[in-house]
Protein backbone atom coordinates (compact mmCIF):
# COMPACT_ATOMS: atom_id res chain seq x y z
CA MET A 1 115.67 115.23 47.40
CA PRO A 2 116.66 115.19 50.98
CA SER A 3 118.60 118.09 52.21
CA PRO A 4 120.49 119.26 55.43
CA ILE A 5 117.14 121.05 56.39
CA ASP A 6 115.22 117.76 56.08
CA ILE A 7 117.55 115.84 58.53
CA CYS A 8 117.36 118.60 60.82
CA ASN A 9 113.51 118.52 60.70
CA GLN A 10 113.64 114.87 61.29
CA ALA A 11 115.83 115.34 64.41
CA LEU A 12 113.41 118.06 65.61
CA ALA A 13 110.48 115.72 65.19
CA HIS A 14 112.09 112.96 67.49
CA ILE A 15 112.06 115.49 70.49
CA GLY A 16 108.57 116.98 69.64
CA ASP A 17 109.91 120.44 68.30
CA ARG A 18 108.81 122.60 65.61
CA ARG A 19 110.44 122.62 62.07
CA ILE A 20 112.72 125.08 60.44
CA THR A 21 112.80 126.29 57.17
CA ARG A 22 116.36 127.78 56.97
CA LEU A 23 120.02 127.04 57.98
CA ASP A 24 121.55 130.37 56.59
CA GLU A 25 123.67 132.58 58.83
CA ASP A 26 120.82 135.29 59.11
CA ALA A 27 118.46 132.77 60.36
CA GLN A 28 120.97 131.52 62.82
CA VAL A 29 121.24 135.03 64.27
CA THR A 30 117.29 135.43 64.73
CA ASP A 31 116.57 131.85 65.53
CA ALA A 32 118.14 129.89 68.29
CA LEU A 33 116.74 126.67 67.05
CA VAL A 34 118.38 127.05 63.89
CA ARG A 35 121.54 128.07 65.46
CA PHE A 36 121.64 124.81 67.43
CA CYS A 37 120.80 122.80 64.35
CA SER A 38 123.55 124.22 62.47
CA GLU A 39 126.12 123.76 65.17
CA PHE A 40 125.39 120.00 65.61
CA TYR A 41 124.53 118.94 62.27
CA GLU A 42 128.10 118.48 60.91
CA GLN A 43 129.27 116.78 64.17
CA ALA A 44 126.38 114.27 63.98
CA LYS A 45 126.95 113.51 60.20
CA GLN A 46 130.87 113.06 60.58
CA GLU A 47 130.30 110.88 64.09
CA VAL A 48 128.08 108.62 62.09
CA LEU A 49 130.49 108.52 58.97
CA ALA A 50 133.21 107.47 61.04
CA ALA A 51 130.98 104.79 62.75
CA HIS A 52 131.30 102.26 59.82
CA ARG A 53 132.86 101.70 56.54
CA TRP A 54 129.68 103.09 54.64
CA THR A 55 129.62 101.54 51.11
CA PHE A 56 128.13 104.88 49.73
CA ALA A 57 131.06 106.80 51.34
CA LYS A 58 133.89 104.66 50.37
CA LYS A 59 136.54 106.31 47.97
CA ALA A 60 139.96 105.25 46.55
CA SER A 61 142.87 107.82 46.05
CA VAL A 62 146.46 107.85 45.05
CA LEU A 63 148.22 109.60 47.72
CA THR A 64 150.59 112.43 47.01
CA ARG A 65 154.24 111.76 48.42
CA GLU A 66 155.93 114.75 50.05
CA GLY A 67 159.53 115.79 49.01
CA SER A 68 161.28 115.68 52.45
CA PRO A 69 162.27 112.51 53.67
CA VAL A 70 161.00 111.21 57.06
CA VAL A 71 163.69 110.27 59.67
CA PHE A 72 161.72 108.60 62.20
CA GLY A 73 161.96 104.77 61.05
CA PHE A 74 160.30 105.19 57.82
CA SER A 75 161.28 106.37 54.32
CA TYR A 76 158.42 108.20 52.85
CA SER A 77 155.79 110.72 53.84
CA HIS A 78 152.39 110.90 51.88
CA VAL A 79 149.57 113.37 52.41
CA LEU A 80 146.09 112.02 53.46
CA PRO A 81 142.93 113.05 51.59
CA VAL A 82 141.50 116.18 53.02
CA ASP A 83 137.83 114.80 52.87
CA MET A 84 139.04 111.54 54.83
CA VAL A 85 136.75 110.50 57.98
CA ARG A 86 137.81 107.19 58.31
CA PHE A 87 141.15 105.33 57.21
CA MET A 88 140.58 101.90 55.80
CA THR A 89 143.18 100.16 53.46
CA LEU A 90 146.40 101.22 52.52
CA VAL A 91 147.85 99.47 49.51
CA GLN A 92 151.49 99.68 47.80
CA GLY A 93 151.50 101.24 44.34
CA GLU A 94 153.84 100.26 41.64
CA VAL A 95 155.00 102.50 38.49
CA ALA A 96 154.91 100.50 35.14
CA SER A 97 158.10 100.41 33.28
CA GLY A 98 158.52 103.68 31.45
CA GLY A 99 155.92 105.55 33.27
CA THR A 100 155.82 108.41 35.60
CA GLU A 101 152.76 107.64 37.75
CA PRO A 102 151.65 104.72 39.87
CA THR A 103 149.16 102.41 38.10
CA VAL A 104 149.14 99.40 39.84
CA PHE A 105 148.18 98.79 43.63
CA ASN A 106 148.50 95.20 44.50
CA TYR A 107 149.57 94.62 48.15
CA LYS A 108 148.04 95.57 51.47
CA VAL A 109 150.72 97.92 53.52
CA ASP A 110 150.62 96.88 57.28
CA LYS A 111 153.55 98.77 58.51
CA PHE A 112 153.08 102.49 58.55
CA LYS A 113 152.17 105.17 60.97
CA ILE A 114 149.35 108.18 60.64
CA VAL A 115 150.83 111.51 61.86
CA GLY A 116 148.55 114.33 61.63
CA ASP A 117 147.49 114.66 58.16
CA LYS A 118 150.38 112.34 56.84
CA VAL A 119 150.91 108.68 56.73
CA TRP A 120 154.54 107.51 57.00
CA SER A 121 155.70 104.18 55.28
CA ASP A 122 158.64 102.59 53.57
CA GLN A 123 156.41 102.54 50.10
CA LYS A 124 157.19 105.04 47.56
CA GLU A 125 154.06 105.02 45.83
CA LEU A 126 150.50 104.46 47.97
CA GLY A 127 147.06 104.23 47.18
CA LEU A 128 144.35 104.52 50.12
CA ILE A 129 140.99 103.29 50.51
CA TYR A 130 138.86 105.48 53.03
CA VAL A 131 135.45 106.69 54.07
CA ALA A 132 135.05 110.12 52.67
CA ASN A 133 133.13 113.12 54.12
CA VAL A 134 129.96 112.81 51.92
CA ASN A 135 128.00 116.34 52.38
CA ASP A 136 124.87 115.69 50.14
CA PRO A 137 122.20 113.80 52.14
CA ASP A 138 120.98 112.60 48.71
CA GLU A 139 123.95 110.49 48.39
CA TRP A 140 123.42 108.63 51.87
CA THR A 141 121.30 105.64 52.30
CA PRO A 142 117.72 105.96 54.07
CA HIS A 143 119.14 104.17 57.04
CA PHE A 144 122.24 106.38 57.37
CA ARG A 145 119.83 109.53 57.15
CA ALA A 146 117.95 107.90 60.02
CA CYS A 147 121.14 107.69 61.88
CA VAL A 148 122.22 111.19 61.48
CA SER A 149 118.86 112.53 62.44
CA ARG A 150 118.51 110.42 65.59
CA LEU A 151 122.10 111.30 66.79
CA LEU A 152 121.35 115.03 66.04
CA ALA A 153 118.28 114.76 67.99
CA SER A 154 120.04 113.74 71.15
CA TYR A 155 122.53 116.56 70.67
CA LEU A 156 119.46 118.99 70.23
CA ALA A 157 117.67 117.63 73.24
CA GLY A 158 120.50 118.70 75.36
CA SER A 159 120.51 122.29 73.99
CA ILE A 160 116.79 122.63 73.62
CA ALA A 161 115.10 120.54 76.35
CA ASP A 162 117.96 120.52 78.88
CA ASP A 163 116.56 117.11 79.59
CA PRO A 164 119.42 114.37 80.53
CA ASN A 165 116.68 111.66 80.09
CA GLU A 166 115.71 112.50 76.71
CA ILE A 167 119.22 112.96 75.68
CA GLN A 168 119.93 109.49 76.71
CA ARG A 169 116.75 108.10 75.36
CA GLN A 170 117.76 109.31 71.80
CA LYS A 171 121.16 108.18 72.07
CA ASP A 172 119.91 104.63 73.47
CA ILE A 173 117.66 104.44 70.12
CA TYR A 174 120.72 105.40 68.07
CA GLU A 175 123.20 102.89 69.70
CA ARG A 176 120.82 99.93 69.86
CA ILE A 177 118.45 100.31 66.75
CA ASP A 178 119.34 102.82 64.08
CA LEU A 179 123.13 102.48 63.86
CA PRO A 180 123.06 98.51 64.05
CA ASN A 181 120.29 98.44 61.52
CA ALA A 182 122.32 100.83 59.20
CA GLN A 183 125.46 99.00 59.65
CA PHE A 184 123.55 95.50 58.70
CA TYR A 185 121.87 96.65 55.71
CA ASP A 186 125.04 98.36 54.41
CA ALA A 187 126.94 95.22 54.87
CA VAL A 188 124.14 93.28 52.98
CA GLN A 189 124.72 95.47 49.94
CA ASP A 190 128.42 95.54 50.08
CA ASN A 191 129.84 94.41 46.69
CA SER A 192 132.22 91.96 48.45
CA ASN A 193 131.24 88.28 47.74
CA GLU A 194 127.88 89.71 46.50
CA ASN A 195 127.47 86.37 44.71
CA SER A 196 128.00 84.01 47.53
CA ASP A 197 125.44 82.38 49.62
CA LEU A 198 124.20 83.28 53.05
CA THR A 199 126.40 80.96 54.74
CA THR A 200 129.65 81.98 53.05
CA ARG A 201 128.90 85.71 53.54
CA LYS A 202 127.95 85.09 57.24
CA ALA A 203 131.47 83.47 57.61
CA GLY A 204 133.26 86.38 56.29
CA SER A 205 131.47 89.13 57.92
CA PRO A 206 131.29 89.38 61.80
CA LEU A 207 128.50 91.88 61.28
CA LEU A 208 126.15 89.49 59.32
CA ALA A 209 126.92 86.64 61.53
CA ALA A 210 125.91 88.47 64.68
CA HIS A 211 122.86 89.68 63.41
CA LYS A 212 119.79 87.80 65.10
CA GLU A 213 117.11 87.96 62.30
CA ASP A 214 116.57 84.67 60.52
CA LEU A 215 117.51 86.03 57.02
CA THR A 216 117.30 83.82 53.85
CA ASN A 217 119.30 83.82 50.65
CA ASP A 218 116.59 85.75 48.80
CA ILE A 219 117.74 88.91 50.64
CA PHE A 220 121.24 88.79 48.74
CA GLN A 221 119.63 88.05 45.25
CA THR A 222 120.23 90.97 42.77
């Protein structure tokens, strides 16, 4: 199973450096290469997570309402999930007759404000779909792992090689090749409209419509 060490070694291979075998604190003290990998790994991972609505990282959560009222034009304040990396869709909740917990989430909420780790709105019950901070590389897609290792390589190139050209080269590969490919294949496997034909799915997805490859409907068969 892929591990953070594997991702770091892929990044190091991109810039032609040696492999590492540990990421623990003791190894960071004695090995500068390990220290740099540990320092930039989390940043690279979270940056790539925030770059797209990754299907493997999507989560839904019923938000906890705070007791104190909001006085800045909204009625309620809810606490955002601690593992949220990217805010996606906020929906209104309803409590069934005789119940105490929200069980129905039907309508998208358009009027709200995010303030720190809170979201203010006029809805008493809220649900949220968001991109979560998925830590285990074994839960990532292969294309996502490629993105993290490439972006990490651009960070490591600055600390290890101190070569602006290599930093830019790795960043360009990430932005022009790895990230667009990962976003595209993630959009392909998204379960939205999964039984629609290619024309229908392109019409509903700017990412699919913009992709230059001549795809056939066979790609979307399950």
